[in-house]
């Protein structure tokens, strides 16, 4: 750790080896969410409706066809990212041209000097001190994988792999199909979710109802989270930029790899539009476009990039710089999709972006649970009793909204918003101790 003026550089990912242990856990977590969703949509809500006939049967058929189609594409894209090598530097690779001087001034053998430039201050030839080898353009070292990755974007714990030149398209398709699938599930389960807060009886067992509720909340949270990442990566594809390069691009008047939107898109998805939406390339595209392999990336102009006193950590992001100035998360989040320069280092910007998306997802998730529990408090019901309450014409413990509220929060309004009760409330209200609950007949007889 060192200090320079008011800026402090700190490698927050120094102990990154723990991420390698997540491996199968993250894959099992993804499959678990898929399993819960499948049970709620297919086995509980829409599968049984298929045999009922009428308009509901047709609706269920359409929902199930879309659900299974998107699920196949989602899993295909996901496992393509997991099992595809993102791209490694070939052994004994040497650049044919200098990054700054361009095509007209090829390098000579004396300039390599065992892998580094003959001029100690020159940063034209990029060299990885961890791998002890030269690095091609747009290549960065990943500390989790322990190697350099071609056109590295970031290391993703959800796919237990780096996202680089050879699997970036698959990662984008995974985000795309995840967003469509979770949006479809959220829309499909919305009527069942709203029914939880109605007065009518909801068909199903407590287990199936709980699974439906959980599936709705999870898919809503994932849909909103993935939407933010999808929008960010679309903006990166359009400008032919990786997450790591986003910072470098902000500090240059013209980005050397920006070939125009159409060609930028083709650098990731290929030229054959029949393969744009499947995690694969044609042999013709692979042969004609070396950029798909991460080695030969066309550029518009070779620009000199000044040396920056930063390093890359295992996520492909730069070391986090703690600065004195903090920006409001929402304006900072919206600034990612503008054309102006965003103040801050890649580490702080990535942390802000991640914090915004995570908190938005948790806010919406908690909102659903909060609404549910408010409705339970108002009717003096627990989650377990909600099913029993639906089967009785009148709930015995429903004393009216005000008294129901007091059965949980007490009578002294000064203590409603702090986790404590007054001694007087505890003495006067045995219900706060969980042993003696007034019911309607008892209450009316007093």
Foldseek 3Di string as FASTA:
>chain_A
DDDDPQKDFDFPCPPVQVLLVCVVVLVVVVVVLVVLLCCLLCVNPLVVCCPVDDPSNVVSVVLVVLLVVLVVQLVQLLVCLLPDAQAADPPPDDDQDFLFPDDVDGDDPVQCVQHHGPDPQDCRFAADPQVSHTDFPLWAAAVNVSHIGFNWQFADSNSSHTHHLQNVLSVLLNLVSLLVNLVSSLVSLVVLLVVLLDLAADDDDLVSSVSSNVSNLVSVLSNLLSVLVNLLVLLCLQQLHGLLCPQVCQPDPHDFQRPGRVVSNCLRQNDDPVRNNHRDDDPVRVVVHVSSNRHDGHTNDRDDRHDDPWGAYNGSFIGAMDHPDDDDLPVLSVCSNDDHHDDGGSVVSVVSNVVVSNVVSVVSSVVSVVVSVLSCLQQLHDSVCSNVCNVDPHDFQRPGRVVSNCLAQNDDVVRNPPPDDDPVRVVVHVSNVVDDGHTVVNVVVD
